[in-house]
Amino acid sequence: MTTRRLMIALMGLCLGAFVVPQIALAAATHIEQAIKETQEAIQAGSQAHHSSSLVEHADNAIDHAKLAQKEQANPHIKSGILHLRKAIKTAKGTHSSRRLNLAVKHAEKALVDFKAVP
């Protein structure tokens, strides 16, 4: 009976040792993905002048940033999400180069915020 309890405890310990590093790795991965998607949004808006692509990439970046925020709360992530929302609101449904440039500036501010996350 004691051997069974010991084996169960050891299996739980091994499982815990396997899962904890994965959680820390996932937080880094989400912020890295948010940075990547934000960079693609900036590229889509500034070089290709595609507002729909900018909106799509910014939306994906927000999704990753929200997951990173849940795992590791940080004011830079929150600020980056707000800037991306402004970028989406500005770029959505427009073909105006002025509004698209403004959306790109918001996305660039979000990128600065995401890169400031330790």
PDB file of N, CA and C in Angstrom:
ATOM      1  N   MET A   1       0.822  -1.194   0.000  1.00  0.00           N
ATOM      2  CA  MET A   1       0.000   0.000   0.000  1.00  0.00           C
ATOM      3  C   MET A   1       0.864   1.255   0.000  1.00  0.00           C
ATOM      4  N   THR A   2       1.914   1.246   0.783  1.00  0.00           N
ATOM      5  CA  THR A   2       2.818   2.387   0.842  1.00  0.00           C
ATOM      6  C   THR A   2       3.558   2.543  -0.477  1.00  0.00           C
ATOM      7  N   THR A   3       3.913   1.447  -1.094  1.00  0.00           N
ATOM      8  CA  THR A   3       4.612   1.480  -2.374  1.00  0.00           C
ATOM      9  C   THR A   3       3.719   2.105  -3.446  1.00  0.00           C
ATOM     10  N   ARG A   4       2.455   1.785  -3.430  1.00  0.00           N
ATOM     11  CA  ARG A   4       1.518   2.342  -4.410  1.00  0.00           C
ATOM     12  C   ARG A   4       1.415   3.862  -4.233  1.00  0.00           C
ATOM     13  N   ARG A   5       1.307   4.321  -3.004  1.00  0.00           N
ATOM     14  CA  ARG A   5       1.227   5.766  -2.739  1.00  0.00           C
ATOM     15  C   ARG A   5       2.521   6.464  -3.166  1.00  0.00           C
ATOM     16  N   LEU A   6       3.629   5.825  -2.909  1.00  0.00           N
ATOM     17  CA  LEU A   6       4.916   6.389  -3.297  1.00  0.00           C
ATOM     18  C   LEU A   6       5.020   6.502  -4.820  1.00  0.00           C
ATOM     19  N   MET A   7       4.579   5.479  -5.518  1.00  0.00           N
ATOM     20  CA  MET A   7       4.623   5.501  -6.982  1.00  0.00           C
ATOM     21  C   MET A   7       3.710   6.598  -7.548  1.00  0.00           C
ATOM     22  N   ILE A   8       2.538   6.753  -6.973  1.00  0.00           N
ATOM     23  CA  ILE A   8       1.610   7.795  -7.423  1.00  0.00           C
ATOM     24  C   ILE A   8       2.210   9.178  -7.164  1.00  0.00           C
ATOM     25  N   ALA A   9       2.826   9.349  -6.003  1.00  0.00           N
ATOM     26  CA  ALA A   9       3.458  10.628  -5.678  1.00  0.00           C
ATOM     27  C   ALA A   9       4.613  10.922  -6.636  1.00  0.00           C
ATOM     28  N   LEU A  10       5.409   9.936  -6.964  1.00  0.00           N
ATOM     29  CA  LEU A  10       6.520  10.126  -7.890  1.00  0.00           C
ATOM     30  C   LEU A  10       6.030  10.458  -9.299  1.00  0.00           C
ATOM     31  N   MET A  11       4.969   9.798  -9.728  1.00  0.00           N
ATOM     32  CA  MET A  11       4.413  10.098 -11.052  1.00  0.00           C
ATOM     33  C   MET A  11       3.876  11.531 -11.091  1.00  0.00           C
ATOM     34  N   GLY A  12       3.234  11.963 -10.017  1.00  0.00           N
ATOM     35  CA  GLY A  12       2.740  13.335  -9.941  1.00  0.00           C
ATOM     36  C   GLY A  12       3.870  14.345  -9.955  1.00  0.00           C
ATOM     37  N   LEU A  13       4.936  14.034  -9.266  1.00  0.00           N
ATOM     38  CA  LEU A  13       6.099  14.904  -9.239  1.00  0.00           C
ATOM     39  C   LEU A  13       6.735  15.017 -10.627  1.00  0.00           C
ATOM     40  N   CYS A  14       6.860  13.905 -11.303  1.00  0.00           N
ATOM     41  CA  CYS A  14       7.427  13.900 -12.658  1.00  0.00           C
ATOM     42  C   CYS A  14       6.538  14.690 -13.617  1.00  0.00           C
ATOM     43  N   LEU A  15       5.244  14.516 -13.508  1.00  0.00           N
ATOM     44  CA  LEU A  15       4.319  15.250 -14.358  1.00  0.00           C
ATOM     45  C   LEU A  15       4.423  16.746 -14.094  1.00  0.00           C
ATOM     46  N   GLY A  16       4.511  17.127 -12.824  1.00  0.00           N
ATOM     47  CA  GLY A  16       4.658  18.534 -12.473  1.00  0.00           C
ATOM     48  C   GLY A  16       5.947  19.124 -13.010  1.00  0.00           C
ATOM     49  N   ALA A  17       7.023  18.366 -12.949  1.00  0.00           N
ATOM     50  CA  ALA A  17       8.307  18.836 -13.462  1.00  0.00           C
ATOM     51  C   ALA A  17       8.265  18.995 -14.977  1.00  0.00           C
ATOM     52  N   PHE A  18       7.431  18.232 -15.633  1.00  0.00           N
ATOM     53  CA  PHE A  18       7.308  18.327 -17.087  1.00  0.00           C
ATOM     54  C   PHE A  18       6.426  19.499 -17.497  1.00  0.00           C
ATOM     55  N   VAL A  19       5.374  19.786 -16.754  1.00  0.00           N
ATOM     56  CA  VAL A  19       4.397  20.795 -17.133  1.00  0.00           C
ATOM     57  C   VAL A  19       4.871  22.209 -16.819  1.00  0.00           C
ATOM     58  N   VAL A  20       5.534  22.448 -15.712  1.00  0.00           N
ATOM     59  CA  VAL A  20       5.915  23.796 -15.291  1.00  0.00           C
ATOM     60  C   VAL A  20       6.808  24.481 -16.329  1.00  0.00           C
ATOM     61  N   PRO A  21       7.857  23.852 -16.853  1.00  0.00           N
ATOM     62  CA  PRO A  21       8.648  24.543 -17.876  1.00  0.00           C
ATOM     63  C   PRO A  21       7.848  24.842 -19.143  1.00  0.00           C
ATOM     64  N   GLN A  22       6.869  24.012 -19.453  1.00  0.00           N
ATOM     65  CA  GLN A  22       6.056  24.246 -20.636  1.00  0.00           C
ATOM     66  C   GLN A  22       5.231  25.515 -20.493  1.00  0.00           C
ATOM     67  N   ILE A  23       4.763  25.808 -19.289  1.00  0.00           N
ATOM     68  CA  ILE A  23       3.974  27.018 -19.053  1.00  0.00           C
ATOM     69  C   ILE A  23       4.848  28.244 -19.266  1.00  0.00           C
ATOM     70  N   ALA A  24       6.058  28.236 -18.734  1.00  0.00           N
ATOM     71  CA  ALA A  24       6.967  29.367 -18.921  1.00  0.00           C
ATOM     72  C   ALA A  24       7.337  29.526 -20.392  1.00  0.00           C
ATOM     73  N   LEU A  25       7.525  28.445 -21.089  1.00  0.00           N
ATOM     74  CA  LEU A  25       7.853  28.486 -22.508  1.00  0.00           C
ATOM     75  C   LEU A  25       6.685  29.025 -23.319  1.00  0.00           C
ATOM     76  N   ALA A  26       5.465  28.685 -22.935  1.00  0.00           N
ATOM     77  CA  ALA A  26       4.285  29.150 -23.661  1.00  0.00           C
ATOM     78  C   ALA A  26       4.141  30.660 -23.550  1.00  0.00           C
ATOM     79  N   ALA A  27       4.451  31.238 -22.386  1.00  0.00           N
ATOM     80  CA  ALA A  27       4.347  32.690 -22.220  1.00  0.00           C
ATOM     81  C   ALA A  27       5.295  33.401 -23.176  1.00  0.00           C
ATOM     82  N   ALA A  28       6.511  32.905 -23.277  1.00  0.00           N
ATOM     83  CA  ALA A  28       7.470  33.517 -24.190  1.00  0.00           C
ATOM     84  C   ALA A  28       7.010  33.343 -25.636  1.00  0.00           C
ATOM     85  N   THR A  29       6.466  32.218 -25.948  1.00  0.00           N
ATOM     86  CA  THR A  29       6.018  31.952 -27.304  1.00  0.00           C
ATOM     87  C   THR A  29       4.880  32.877 -27.713  1.00  0.00           C
ATOM     88  N   HIS A  30       3.951  33.134 -26.817  1.00  0.00           N
ATOM     89  CA  HIS A  30       2.815  34.001 -27.162  1.00  0.00           C
ATOM     90  C   HIS A  30       3.269  35.435 -27.415  1.00  0.00           C
ATOM     91  N   ILE A  31       4.168  35.951 -26.604  1.00  0.00           N
ATOM     92  CA  ILE A  31       4.616  37.322 -26.833  1.00  0.00           C
ATOM     93  C   ILE A  31       5.456  37.393 -28.105  1.00  0.00           C
ATOM     94  N   GLU A  32       6.228  36.349 -28.378  1.00  0.00           N
ATOM     95  CA  GLU A  32       6.998  36.315 -29.628  1.00  0.00           C
ATOM     96  C   GLU A  32       6.064  36.267 -30.835  1.00  0.00           C
ATOM     97  N   GLN A  33       4.997  35.500 -30.730  1.00  0.00           N
ATOM     98  CA  GLN A  33       4.015  35.431 -31.824  1.00  0.00           C
ATOM     99  C   GLN A  33       3.301  36.767 -31.996  1.00  0.00           C
ATOM    100  N   ALA A  34       3.012  37.447 -30.882  1.00  0.00           N
ATOM    101  CA  ALA A  34       2.372  38.767 -30.961  1.00  0.00           C
ATOM    102  C   ALA A  34       3.298  39.758 -31.669  1.00  0.00           C
ATOM    103  N   ILE A  35       4.595  39.687 -31.363  1.00  0.00           N
ATOM    104  CA  ILE A  35       5.563  40.554 -32.028  1.00  0.00           C
ATOM    105  C   ILE A  35       5.611  40.250 -33.523  1.00  0.00           C
ATOM    106  N   LYS A  36       5.652  38.971 -33.871  1.00  0.00           N
ATOM    107  CA  LYS A  36       5.715  38.565 -35.273  1.00  0.00           C
ATOM    108  C   LYS A  36       4.480  39.042 -36.038  1.00  0.00           C
ATOM    109  N   GLU A  37       3.306  38.834 -35.469  1.00  0.00           N
ATOM    110  CA  GLU A  37       2.064  39.245 -36.136  1.00  0.00           C
ATOM    111  C   GLU A  37       1.981  40.771 -36.257  1.00  0.00           C
ATOM    112  N   THR A  38       2.469  41.482 -35.244  1.00  0.00           N
ATOM    113  CA  THR A  38       2.462  42.948 -35.301  1.00  0.00           C
ATOM    114  C   THR A  38       3.395  43.436 -36.400  1.00  0.00           C
ATOM    115  N   GLN A  39       4.556  42.804 -36.535  1.00  0.00           N
ATOM    116  CA  GLN A  39       5.477  43.167 -37.604  1.00  0.00           C
ATOM    117  C   GLN A  39       4.848  42.923 -38.976  1.00  0.00           C
ATOM    118  N   GLU A  40       4.135  41.831 -39.112  1.00  0.00           N
ATOM    119  CA  GLU A  40       3.467  41.537 -40.383  1.00  0.00           C
ATOM    120  C   GLU A  40       2.342  42.534 -40.656  1.00  0.00           C
ATOM    121  N   ALA A  41       1.650  42.967 -39.603  1.00  0.00           N
ATOM    122  CA  ALA A  41       0.599  43.978 -39.764  1.00  0.00           C
ATOM    123  C   ALA A  41       1.206  45.295 -40.246  1.00  0.00           C
ATOM    124  N   ILE A  42       2.343  45.666 -39.672  1.00  0.00           N
ATOM    125  CA  ILE A  42       3.018  46.901 -40.085  1.00  0.00           C
ATOM    126  C   ILE A  42       3.452  46.797 -41.544  1.00  0.00           C
ATOM    127  N   GLN A  43       4.001  45.658 -41.900  1.00  0.00           N
ATOM    128  CA  GLN A  43       4.447  45.454 -43.278  1.00  0.00           C
ATOM    129  C   GLN A  43       3.266  45.503 -44.248  1.00  0.00           C
ATOM    130  N   ALA A  44       2.169  44.872 -43.886  1.00  0.00           N
ATOM    131  CA  ALA A  44       0.987  44.868 -44.762  1.00  0.00           C
ATOM    132  C   ALA A  44       0.429  46.271 -44.938  1.00  0.00           C
ATOM    133  N   GLY A  45       0.479  47.059 -43.893  1.00  0.00           N
ATOM    134  CA  GLY A  45      -0.067  48.411 -43.979  1.00  0.00           C
ATOM    135  C   GLY A  45       0.850  49.400 -44.664  1.00  0.00           C
ATOM    136  N   SER A  46       2.144  49.274 -44.428  1.00  0.00           N
ATOM    137  CA  SER A  46       3.054  50.278 -44.971  1.00  0.00           C
ATOM    138  C   SER A  46       3.537  49.963 -46.380  1.00  0.00           C
ATOM    139  N   GLN A  47       3.849  48.722 -46.673  1.00  0.00           N
ATOM    140  CA  GLN A  47       4.391  48.393 -47.991  1.00  0.00           C
ATOM    141  C   GLN A  47       3.298  48.030 -48.990  1.00  0.00           C
ATOM    142  N   ALA A  48       2.389  47.188 -48.569  1.00  0.00           N
ATOM    143  CA  ALA A  48       1.376  46.701 -49.508  1.00  0.00           C
ATOM    144  C   ALA A  48       0.108  47.546 -49.499  1.00  0.00           C
ATOM    145  N   HIS A  49      -0.079  48.379 -48.495  1.00  0.00           N
ATOM    146  CA  HIS A  49      -1.273  49.214 -48.356  1.00  0.00           C
ATOM    147  C   HIS A  49      -2.556  48.381 -48.368  1.00  0.00           C
ATOM    148  N   HIS A  50      -2.519  47.263 -47.651  1.00  0.00           N
ATOM    149  CA  HIS A  50      -3.693  46.400 -47.537  1.00  0.00           C
ATOM    150  C   HIS A  50      -4.272  46.546 -46.128  1.00  0.00           C
ATOM    151  N   SER A  51      -5.381  47.238 -46.037  1.00  0.00           N
ATOM    152  CA  SER A  51      -5.985  47.437 -44.719  1.00  0.00           C
ATOM    153  C   SER A  51      -6.542  46.135 -44.162  1.00  0.00           C
ATOM    154  N   SER A  52      -7.067  45.277 -45.024  1.00  0.00           N
ATOM    155  CA  SER A  52      -7.643  44.022 -44.532  1.00  0.00           C
ATOM    156  C   SER A  52      -6.554  43.112 -43.959  1.00  0.00           C
ATOM    157  N   SER A  53      -5.384  43.079 -44.570  1.00  0.00           N
ATOM    158  CA  SER A  53      -4.287  42.264 -44.052  1.00  0.00           C
ATOM    159  C   SER A  53      -3.773  42.835 -42.744  1.00  0.00           C
ATOM    160  N   LEU A  54      -3.690  44.160 -42.665  1.00  0.00           N
ATOM    161  CA  LEU A  54      -3.272  44.791 -41.418  1.00  0.00           C
ATOM    162  C   LEU A  54      -4.219  44.421 -40.295  1.00  0.00           C
ATOM    163  N   VAL A  55      -5.499  44.509 -40.564  1.00  0.00           N
ATOM    164  CA  VAL A  55      -6.508  44.181 -39.545  1.00  0.00           C
ATOM    165  C   VAL A  55      -6.404  42.717 -39.130  1.00  0.00           C
ATOM    166  N   GLU A  56      -6.222  41.833 -40.090  1.00  0.00           N
ATOM    167  CA  GLU A  56      -6.136  40.400 -39.788  1.00  0.00           C
ATOM    168  C   GLU A  56      -4.915  40.091 -38.914  1.00  0.00           C
ATOM    169  N   HIS A  57      -3.759  40.629 -39.282  1.00  0.00           N
ATOM    170  CA  HIS A  57      -2.552  40.360 -38.504  1.00  0.00           C
ATOM    171  C   HIS A  57      -2.621  41.020 -37.124  1.00  0.00           C
ATOM    172  N   ALA A  58      -3.185  42.207 -37.053  1.00  0.00           N
ATOM    173  CA  ALA A  58      -3.325  42.877 -35.758  1.00  0.00           C
ATOM    174  C   ALA A  58      -4.269  42.099 -34.851  1.00  0.00           C
ATOM    175  N   ASP A  59      -5.320  41.558 -35.428  1.00  0.00           N
ATOM    176  CA  ASP A  59      -6.259  40.755 -34.643  1.00  0.00           C
ATOM    177  C   ASP A  59      -5.580  39.487 -34.109  1.00  0.00           C
ATOM    178  N   ASN A  60      -4.765  38.842 -34.946  1.00  0.00           N
ATOM    179  CA  ASN A  60      -4.021  37.665 -34.489  1.00  0.00           C
ATOM    180  C   ASN A  60      -3.031  38.044 -33.391  1.00  0.00           C
ATOM    181  N   ALA A  61      -2.394  39.202 -33.533  1.00  0.00           N
ATOM    182  CA  ALA A  61      -1.443  39.667 -32.517  1.00  0.00           C
ATOM    183  C   ALA A  61      -2.156  39.917 -31.187  1.00  0.00           C
ATOM    184  N   ILE A  62      -3.357  40.454 -31.247  1.00  0.00           N
ATOM    185  CA  ILE A  62      -4.129  40.686 -30.023  1.00  0.00           C
ATOM    186  C   ILE A  62      -4.444  39.362 -29.339  1.00  0.00           C
ATOM    187  N   ASP A  63      -4.817  38.362 -30.121  1.00  0.00           N
ATOM    188  CA  ASP A  63      -5.111  37.047 -29.539  1.00  0.00           C
ATOM    189  C   ASP A  63      -3.901  36.495 -28.784  1.00  0.00           C
ATOM    190  N   HIS A  64      -2.731  36.563 -29.404  1.00  0.00           N
ATOM    191  CA  HIS A  64      -1.523  36.061 -28.747  1.00  0.00           C
ATOM    192  C   HIS A  64      -1.160  36.918 -27.533  1.00  0.00           C
ATOM    193  N   ALA A  65      -1.339  38.220 -27.656  1.00  0.00           N
ATOM    194  CA  ALA A  65      -1.015  39.112 -26.542  1.00  0.00           C
ATOM    195  C   ALA A  65      -1.939  38.863 -25.349  1.00  0.00           C
ATOM    196  N   LYS A  66      -3.200  38.592 -25.619  1.00  0.00           N
ATOM    197  CA  LYS A  66      -4.128  38.286 -24.523  1.00  0.00           C
ATOM    198  C   LYS A  66      -3.710  37.011 -23.796  1.00  0.00           C
ATOM    199  N   LEU A  67      -3.285  36.009 -24.547  1.00  0.00           N
ATOM    200  CA  LEU A  67      -2.816  34.768 -23.921  1.00  0.00           C
ATOM    201  C   LEU A  67      -1.555  35.018 -23.103  1.00  0.00           C
ATOM    202  N   ALA A  68      -0.661  35.838 -23.619  1.00  0.00           N
ATOM    203  CA  ALA A  68       0.554  36.180 -22.869  1.00  0.00           C
ATOM    204  C   ALA A  68       0.201  36.970 -21.617  1.00  0.00           C
ATOM    205  N   GLN A  69      -0.793  37.839 -21.709  1.00  0.00           N
ATOM    206  CA  GLN A  69      -1.221  38.644 -20.561  1.00  0.00           C
ATOM    207  C   GLN A  69      -1.832  37.767 -19.469  1.00  0.00           C
ATOM    208  N   LYS A  70      -2.563  36.729 -19.873  1.00  0.00           N
ATOM    209  CA  LYS A  70      -3.152  35.819 -18.890  1.00  0.00           C
ATOM    210  C   LYS A  70      -2.080  35.046 -18.145  1.00  0.00           C
ATOM    211  N   GLU A  71      -1.013  34.693 -18.850  1.00  0.00           N
ATOM    212  CA  GLU A  71       0.042  33.906 -18.229  1.00  0.00           C
ATOM    213  C   GLU A  71       1.011  34.764 -17.433  1.00  0.00           C
ATOM    214  N   GLN A  72       1.236  35.998 -17.881  1.00  0.00           N
ATOM    215  CA  GLN A  72       2.190  36.873 -17.218  1.00  0.00           C
ATOM    216  C   GLN A  72       1.704  38.305 -17.392  1.00  0.00           C
ATOM    217  N   ALA A  73       1.014  38.833 -16.386  1.00  0.00           N
ATOM    218  CA  ALA A  73       0.464  40.181 -16.484  1.00  0.00           C
ATOM    219  C   ALA A  73       1.588  41.202 -16.592  1.00  0.00           C
ATOM    220  N   ASN A  74       1.446  42.131 -17.543  1.00  0.00           N
ATOM    221  CA  ASN A  74       2.466  43.135 -17.765  1.00  0.00           C
ATOM    222  C   ASN A  74       1.797  44.369 -18.366  1.00  0.00           C
ATOM    223  N   PRO A  75       2.127  45.576 -17.873  1.00  0.00           N
ATOM    224  CA  PRO A  75       1.493  46.789 -18.410  1.00  0.00           C
ATOM    225  C   PRO A  75       1.870  47.066 -19.866  1.00  0.00           C
ATOM    226  N   HIS A  76       3.039  46.594 -20.304  1.00  0.00           N
ATOM    227  CA  HIS A  76       3.434  46.797 -21.699  1.00  0.00           C
ATOM    228  C   HIS A  76       2.530  46.006 -22.639  1.00  0.00           C
ATOM    229  N   ILE A  77       2.150  44.815 -22.229  1.00  0.00           N
ATOM    230  CA  ILE A  77       1.249  44.000 -23.058  1.00  0.00           C
ATOM    231  C   ILE A  77      -0.109  44.673 -23.161  1.00  0.00           C
ATOM    232  N   LYS A  78      -0.590  45.173 -22.041  1.00  0.00           N
ATOM    233  CA  LYS A  78      -1.892  45.841 -22.025  1.00  0.00           C
ATOM    234  C   LYS A  78      -1.884  47.076 -22.930  1.00  0.00           C
ATOM    235  N   SER A  79      -0.817  47.850 -22.858  1.00  0.00           N
ATOM    236  CA  SER A  79      -0.690  49.034 -23.702  1.00  0.00           C
ATOM    237  C   SER A  79      -0.599  48.645 -25.181  1.00  0.00           C
ATOM    238  N   GLY A  80       0.136  47.576 -25.482  1.00  0.00           N
ATOM    239  CA  GLY A  80       0.252  47.105 -26.855  1.00  0.00           C
ATOM    240  C   GLY A  80      -1.092  46.672 -27.427  1.00  0.00           C
ATOM    241  N   ILE A  81      -1.884  45.999 -26.601  1.00  0.00           N
ATOM    242  CA  ILE A  81      -3.217  45.573 -27.037  1.00  0.00           C
ATOM    243  C   ILE A  81      -4.086  46.793 -27.358  1.00  0.00           C
ATOM    244  N   LEU A  82      -4.011  47.818 -26.520  1.00  0.00           N
ATOM    245  CA  LEU A  82      -4.796  49.035 -26.776  1.00  0.00           C
ATOM    246  C   LEU A  82      -4.382  49.701 -28.083  1.00  0.00           C
ATOM    247  N   HIS A  83      -3.084  49.751 -28.351  1.00  0.00           N
ATOM    248  CA  HIS A  83      -2.619  50.351 -29.602  1.00  0.00           C
ATOM    249  C   HIS A  83      -3.066  49.530 -30.811  1.00  0.00           C
ATOM    250  N   LEU A  84      -3.038  48.213 -30.680  1.00  0.00           N
ATOM    251  CA  LEU A  84      -3.504  47.375 -31.790  1.00  0.00           C
ATOM    252  C   LEU A  84      -5.000  47.551 -32.033  1.00  0.00           C
ATOM    253  N   ARG A  85      -5.758  47.694 -30.971  1.00  0.00           N
ATOM    254  CA  ARG A  85      -7.202  47.940 -31.146  1.00  0.00           C
ATOM    255  C   ARG A  85      -7.449  49.260 -31.873  1.00  0.00           C
ATOM    256  N   LYS A  86      -6.650  50.283 -31.532  1.00  0.00           N
ATOM    257  CA  LYS A  86      -6.771  51.566 -32.234  1.00  0.00           C
ATOM    258  C   LYS A  86      -6.388  51.409 -33.703  1.00  0.00           C
ATOM    259  N   ALA A  87      -5.362  50.604 -33.965  1.00  0.00           N
ATOM    260  CA  ALA A  87      -4.942  50.364 -35.349  1.00  0.00           C
ATOM    261  C   ALA A  87      -6.059  49.687 -36.130  1.00  0.00           C
ATOM    262  N   ILE A  88      -6.686  48.702 -35.518  1.00  0.00           N
ATOM    263  CA  ILE A  88      -7.782  47.997 -36.196  1.00  0.00           C
ATOM    264  C   ILE A  88      -8.943  48.939 -36.458  1.00  0.00           C
ATOM    265  N   LYS A  89      -9.298  49.729 -35.456  1.00  0.00           N
ATOM    266  CA  LYS A  89     -10.423  50.649 -35.603  1.00  0.00           C
ATOM    267  C   LYS A  89     -10.144  51.681 -36.697  1.00  0.00           C
ATOM    268  N   THR A  90      -8.897  52.115 -36.787  1.00  0.00           N
ATOM    269  CA  THR A  90      -8.532  53.118 -37.783  1.00  0.00           C
ATOM    270  C   THR A  90      -8.491  52.538 -39.186  1.00  0.00           C
ATOM    271  N   ALA A  91      -7.996  51.311 -39.328  1.00  0.00           N
ATOM    272  CA  ALA A  91      -7.782  50.726 -40.658  1.00  0.00           C
ATOM    273  C   ALA A  91      -8.980  49.976 -41.209  1.00  0.00           C
ATOM    274  N   LYS A  92      -9.887  49.586 -40.358  1.00  0.00           N
ATOM    275  CA  LYS A  92     -10.987  48.722 -40.795  1.00  0.00           C
ATOM    276  C   LYS A  92     -11.860  49.423 -41.827  1.00  0.00           C
ATOM    277  N   GLY A  93     -11.997  48.777 -42.974  1.00  0.00           N
ATOM    278  CA  GLY A  93     -12.906  49.242 -44.011  1.00  0.00           C
ATOM    279  C   GLY A  93     -12.494  50.526 -44.702  1.00  0.00           C
ATOM    280  N   THR A  94     -11.201  50.841 -44.732  1.00  0.00           N
ATOM    281  CA  THR A  94     -10.778  52.075 -45.371  1.00  0.00           C
ATOM    282  C   THR A  94      -9.775  51.791 -46.484  1.00  0.00           C
ATOM    283  N   HIS A  95      -9.717  52.710 -47.420  1.00  0.00           N
ATOM    284  CA  HIS A  95      -8.696  52.666 -48.460  1.00  0.00           C
ATOM    285  C   HIS A  95      -7.911  53.977 -48.442  1.00  0.00           C
ATOM    286  N   SER A  96      -8.165  54.782 -47.440  1.00  0.00           N
ATOM    287  CA  SER A  96      -7.482  56.057 -47.300  1.00  0.00           C
ATOM    288  C   SER A  96      -6.051  55.829 -46.828  1.00  0.00           C
ATOM    289  N   SER A  97      -5.105  56.366 -47.563  1.00  0.00           N
ATOM    290  CA  SER A  97      -3.700  56.179 -47.184  1.00  0.00           C
ATOM    291  C   SER A  97      -3.380  56.917 -45.884  1.00  0.00           C
ATOM    292  N   ARG A  98      -4.056  58.029 -45.623  1.00  0.00           N
ATOM    293  CA  ARG A  98      -3.833  58.767 -44.380  1.00  0.00           C
ATOM    294  C   ARG A  98      -4.243  57.943 -43.170  1.00  0.00           C
ATOM    295  N   ARG A  99      -5.431  57.334 -43.253  1.00  0.00           N
ATOM    296  CA  ARG A  99      -5.895  56.508 -42.136  1.00  0.00           C
ATOM    297  C   ARG A  99      -5.053  55.246 -42.005  1.00  0.00           C
ATOM    298  N   LEU A 100      -4.622  54.691 -43.095  1.00  0.00           N
ATOM    299  CA  LEU A 100      -3.782  53.501 -43.064  1.00  0.00           C
ATOM    300  C   LEU A 100      -2.424  53.810 -42.429  1.00  0.00           C
ATOM    301  N   ASN A 101      -1.855  54.978 -42.754  1.00  0.00           N
ATOM    302  CA  ASN A 101      -0.592  55.387 -42.131  1.00  0.00           C
ATOM    303  C   ASN A 101      -0.753  55.586 -40.633  1.00  0.00           C
ATOM    304  N   LEU A 102      -1.891  56.123 -40.221  1.00  0.00           N
ATOM    305  CA  LEU A 102      -2.160  56.297 -38.791  1.00  0.00           C
ATOM    306  C   LEU A 102      -2.284  54.938 -38.099  1.00  0.00           C
ATOM    307  N   ALA A 103      -2.911  53.992 -38.764  1.00  0.00           N
ATOM    308  CA  ALA A 103      -3.036  52.644 -38.207  1.00  0.00           C
ATOM    309  C   ALA A 103      -1.667  51.983 -38.073  1.00  0.00           C
ATOM    310  N   VAL A 104      -0.807  52.201 -39.048  1.00  0.00           N
ATOM    311  CA  VAL A 104       0.551  51.651 -38.990  1.00  0.00           C
ATOM    312  C   VAL A 104       1.309  52.250 -37.799  1.00  0.00           C
ATOM    313  N   LYS A 105       1.120  53.540 -37.560  1.00  0.00           N
ATOM    314  CA  LYS A 105       1.785  54.182 -36.406  1.00  0.00           C
ATOM    315  C   LYS A 105       1.318  53.565 -35.093  1.00  0.00           C
ATOM    316  N   HIS A 106       0.037  53.266 -34.986  1.00  0.00           N
ATOM    317  CA  HIS A 106      -0.475  52.602 -33.779  1.00  0.00           C
ATOM    318  C   HIS A 106       0.143  51.212 -33.634  1.00  0.00           C
ATOM    319  N   ALA A 107       0.247  50.493 -34.737  1.00  0.00           N
ATOM    320  CA  ALA A 107       0.840  49.159 -34.699  1.00  0.00           C
ATOM    321  C   ALA A 107       2.323  49.235 -34.317  1.00  0.00           C
ATOM    322  N   GLU A 108       3.023  50.260 -34.784  1.00  0.00           N
ATOM    323  CA  GLU A 108       4.432  50.434 -34.423  1.00  0.00           C
ATOM    324  C   GLU A 108       4.581  50.710 -32.926  1.00  0.00           C
ATOM    325  N   LYS A 109       3.659  51.491 -32.364  1.00  0.00           N
ATOM    326  CA  LYS A 109       3.687  51.739 -30.913  1.00  0.00           C
ATOM    327  C   LYS A 109       3.434  50.438 -30.146  1.00  0.00           C
ATOM    328  N   ALA A 110       2.535  49.613 -30.660  1.00  0.00           N
ATOM    329  CA  ALA A 110       2.270  48.317 -30.030  1.00  0.00           C
ATOM    330  C   ALA A 110       3.515  47.438 -30.084  1.00  0.00           C
ATOM    331  N   LEU A 111       4.221  47.472 -31.208  1.00  0.00           N
ATOM    332  CA  LEU A 111       5.444  46.678 -31.352  1.00  0.00           C
ATOM    333  C   LEU A 111       6.490  47.110 -30.325  1.00  0.00           C
ATOM    334  N   VAL A 112       6.626  48.401 -30.118  1.00  0.00           N
ATOM    335  CA  VAL A 112       7.564  48.912 -29.110  1.00  0.00           C
ATOM    336  C   VAL A 112       7.173  48.394 -27.723  1.00  0.00           C
ATOM    337  N   ASP A 113       5.873  48.409 -27.432  1.00  0.00           N
ATOM    338  CA  ASP A 113       5.400  47.915 -26.135  1.00  0.00           C
ATOM    339  C   ASP A 113       5.681  46.421 -25.976  1.00  0.00           C
ATOM    340  N   PHE A 114       5.409  45.640 -26.995  1.00  0.00           N
ATOM    341  CA  PHE A 114       5.629  44.196 -26.901  1.00  0.00           C
ATOM    342  C   PHE A 114       7.110  43.864 -26.758  1.00  0.00           C
ATOM    343  N   LYS A 115       7.962  44.624 -27.422  1.00  0.00           N
ATOM    344  CA  LYS A 115       9.400  44.356 -27.312  1.00  0.00           C
ATOM    345  C   LYS A 115       9.948  44.765 -25.946  1.00  0.00           C
ATOM    346  N   ALA A 116       9.221  45.597 -25.225  1.00  0.00           N
ATOM    347  CA  ALA A 116       9.656  46.027 -23.889  1.00  0.00           C
ATOM    348  C   ALA A 116       9.316  45.010 -22.801  1.00  0.00           C
ATOM    349  N   VAL A 117       8.562  43.972 -23.164  1.00  0.00           N
ATOM    350  CA  VAL A 117       8.198  42.934 -22.191  1.00  0.00           C
ATOM    351  C   VAL A 117       9.445  42.108 -21.878  1.00  0.00           C
ATOM    352  N   PRO A 118       9.766  41.966 -20.583  1.00  0.00           N
ATOM    353  CA  PRO A 118      10.967  41.185 -20.230  1.00  0.00           C
ATOM    354  C   PRO A 118      10.795  39.693 -20.484  1.00  0.00           C
TER     355      PRO A 118
END
